[in-house]
Protein backbone atom coordinates (compact mmCIF):
# COMPACT_ATOMS: atom_id res chain seq x y z
CA MET A 1 0.00 0.00 0.00
CA TYR A 2 1.48 3.35 -1.04
CA VAL A 3 1.09 5.87 1.80
CA LYS A 4 2.95 9.16 2.20
CA ASN A 5 2.63 11.78 4.93
CA THR A 6 3.33 15.50 4.73
CA LYS A 7 5.96 15.04 7.46
CA ILE A 8 8.62 15.06 4.73
CA PRO A 9 11.29 17.61 3.85
CA PRO A 10 10.00 20.33 1.52
CA ILE A 11 11.42 21.25 -1.86
CA LEU A 12 11.91 24.99 -2.37
CA GLU A 13 10.32 26.19 -5.58
CA HIS A 14 9.45 29.42 -7.35
CA GLY A 15 12.64 31.25 -6.44
CA GLY A 16 12.49 29.99 -2.85
CA THR A 17 9.08 31.56 -2.18
CA CYS A 18 7.23 28.25 -1.88
CA LYS A 19 7.88 25.13 0.22
CA THR A 20 6.38 22.16 -1.61
CA PHE A 21 5.79 18.82 0.14
CA PHE A 22 5.63 16.32 -2.74
CA MET A 23 3.64 13.28 -1.68
CA VAL A 24 3.66 12.11 -5.29
CA GLY A 25 6.55 13.60 -7.20
CA LYS A 26 6.22 15.35 -10.54
CA GLU A 27 6.07 12.76 -13.33
CA GLN A 28 6.17 9.91 -10.75
CA MET A 29 2.91 8.36 -11.96
CA ARG A 30 2.99 9.41 -15.61
CA GLU A 31 3.22 5.88 -17.01
CA GLU A 32 0.50 4.41 -14.74
CA THR A 33 -1.95 7.25 -15.39
CA MET A 34 -1.31 7.80 -19.12
CA GLY A 35 -4.61 7.87 -20.97
CA SER A 36 -6.67 8.75 -17.89
CA TYR A 37 -8.57 11.91 -16.99
CA LEU A 38 -9.31 13.70 -13.70
CA GLU A 39 -12.67 12.19 -12.78
CA TYR A 40 -13.32 14.20 -9.62
CA VAL A 41 -11.96 16.06 -6.58
CA ALA A 42 -14.08 15.89 -3.40
CA GLU A 43 -14.13 15.70 0.37
CA PHE A 44 -15.96 12.88 2.13
CA GLU A 45 -16.77 12.07 5.75
CA ILE A 46 -17.57 8.75 7.39
CA ALA A 47 -19.30 8.69 10.77
CA GLU A 48 -17.86 6.92 13.80
CA GLY A 49 -19.03 3.30 13.81
CA SER A 50 -19.59 3.23 10.04
CA HIS A 51 -17.40 2.28 7.06
CA LEU A 52 -17.18 2.87 3.33
CA GLU A 53 -18.87 0.06 1.44
CA PRO A 54 -16.15 -2.18 -0.09
CA HIS A 55 -15.93 -1.43 -3.80
CA LYS A 56 -13.65 -1.17 -6.83
CA HIS A 57 -13.41 0.86 -10.05
CA ASP A 58 -11.07 1.46 -12.97
CA THR A 59 -9.37 4.52 -11.46
CA HIS A 60 -6.26 5.56 -9.60
CA GLU A 61 -7.95 6.93 -6.49
CA PHE A 62 -6.29 8.93 -3.71
CA TYR A 63 -7.47 9.75 -0.18
CA TYR A 64 -5.79 12.50 1.88
CA ILE A 65 -6.79 12.39 5.55
CA LEU A 66 -7.97 15.79 6.82
CA LYS A 67 -9.55 14.85 10.16
CA GLY A 68 -9.52 11.87 12.51
CA ARG A 69 -7.86 8.49 12.19
CA ALA A 70 -8.89 5.65 9.93
CA LEU A 71 -8.22 2.05 9.02
CA MET A 72 -7.63 1.72 5.27
CA GLN A 73 -7.92 -1.66 3.58
CA ILE A 74 -6.90 -2.41 0.00
CA GLU A 75 -7.43 -6.09 -0.87
CA ASN A 76 -5.77 -8.01 2.05
CA GLU A 77 -3.57 -5.13 3.25
CA LYS A 78 -4.67 -2.92 6.16
CA ARG A 79 -3.03 0.22 7.49
CA GLU A 80 -3.88 2.88 10.03
CA MET A 81 -4.07 6.38 8.59
CA GLU A 82 -3.73 9.75 10.31
CA VAL A 83 -4.08 13.42 9.39
CA GLY A 84 -1.64 14.26 6.62
CA ASP A 85 -1.51 10.73 5.14
CA LEU A 86 -2.12 10.23 1.42
CA VAL A 87 -2.98 6.74 0.16
CA HIS A 88 -3.00 5.60 -3.46
CA ILE A 89 -5.62 3.00 -4.40
CA PRO A 90 -4.64 1.27 -7.67
CA PRO A 91 -7.26 0.54 -10.34
CA ASN A 92 -9.65 -2.38 -9.78
CA LYS A 93 -8.46 -3.11 -6.23
CA VAL A 94 -11.22 -3.72 -3.67
CA HIS A 95 -10.99 -1.13 -0.89
CA THR A 96 -12.72 0.31 2.15
CA ILE A 97 -11.94 2.79 4.92
CA LYS A 98 -13.43 3.33 8.38
CA PRO A 99 -12.86 5.72 11.27
CA ILE A 100 -10.97 4.42 14.29
CA GLY A 101 -10.98 6.10 17.66
CA GLU A 102 -13.58 8.69 18.55
CA GLY A 103 -15.46 10.76 16.01
CA PRO A 104 -15.72 10.73 12.24
CA MET A 105 -12.93 10.77 9.69
CA ARG A 106 -12.80 13.24 6.81
CA ALA A 107 -10.70 13.03 3.67
CA LEU A 108 -10.02 14.80 0.40
CA SER A 109 -10.33 12.36 -2.49
CA PHE A 110 -9.56 12.54 -6.18
CA ALA A 111 -9.24 10.07 -9.01
CA ALA A 112 -7.53 9.64 -12.37
CA SER A 113 -10.01 7.49 -14.26
CA PHE A 114 -9.96 5.15 -17.22
CA LEU A 115 -13.76 4.83 -17.28
CA PRO A 116 -15.52 5.73 -20.53
CA PRO A 117 -17.45 9.02 -20.78
CA GLY A 118 -20.51 8.78 -18.54
CA GLY A 119 -19.18 5.59 -16.94
CA ALA A 120 -18.43 7.03 -13.52
CA GLY A 121 -22.02 7.41 -12.33
CA THR A 122 -22.68 7.89 -8.62
CA GLU A 123 -21.99 4.37 -7.38
CA ALA A 124 -18.84 2.27 -7.69
CA GLU A 125 -18.97 -1.47 -8.31
CA LYS A 126 -19.73 -3.25 -5.01
CA ALA A 127 -17.14 -5.89 -4.25
CA GLU A 128 -16.11 -8.35 -1.55
CA LEU A 129 -12.82 -7.98 0.28
CA PRO A 130 -10.53 -11.01 -0.05
CA GLY A 131 -10.31 -13.47 2.81
């Protein structure tokens, strides 16, 4: 599971006027995302005691944790996430996320999609987690 946190050294850019914390470096995912398009950028929140329905889709999806702590699962791999973590969910991998601890979790999400025009809809393909 690819997870990066903003607790990394910055790169100075724009004549030293900007500290950039690259969680995915420039050009790092060019080959994997070639032929895709930006499907969406959104924030989502999941209430304490709930979880995101396990699902999959033909996108590179990313979640950036804004609030709370969460347990992320992609296929058989699980990892705790905290504020400042970015996770990459590869295409067609079954995944879910749920808050851990007290209160909800909130995340920024975005996706580079390979779905055909109009194929995104409002619901992803429901899927079972392995094991």
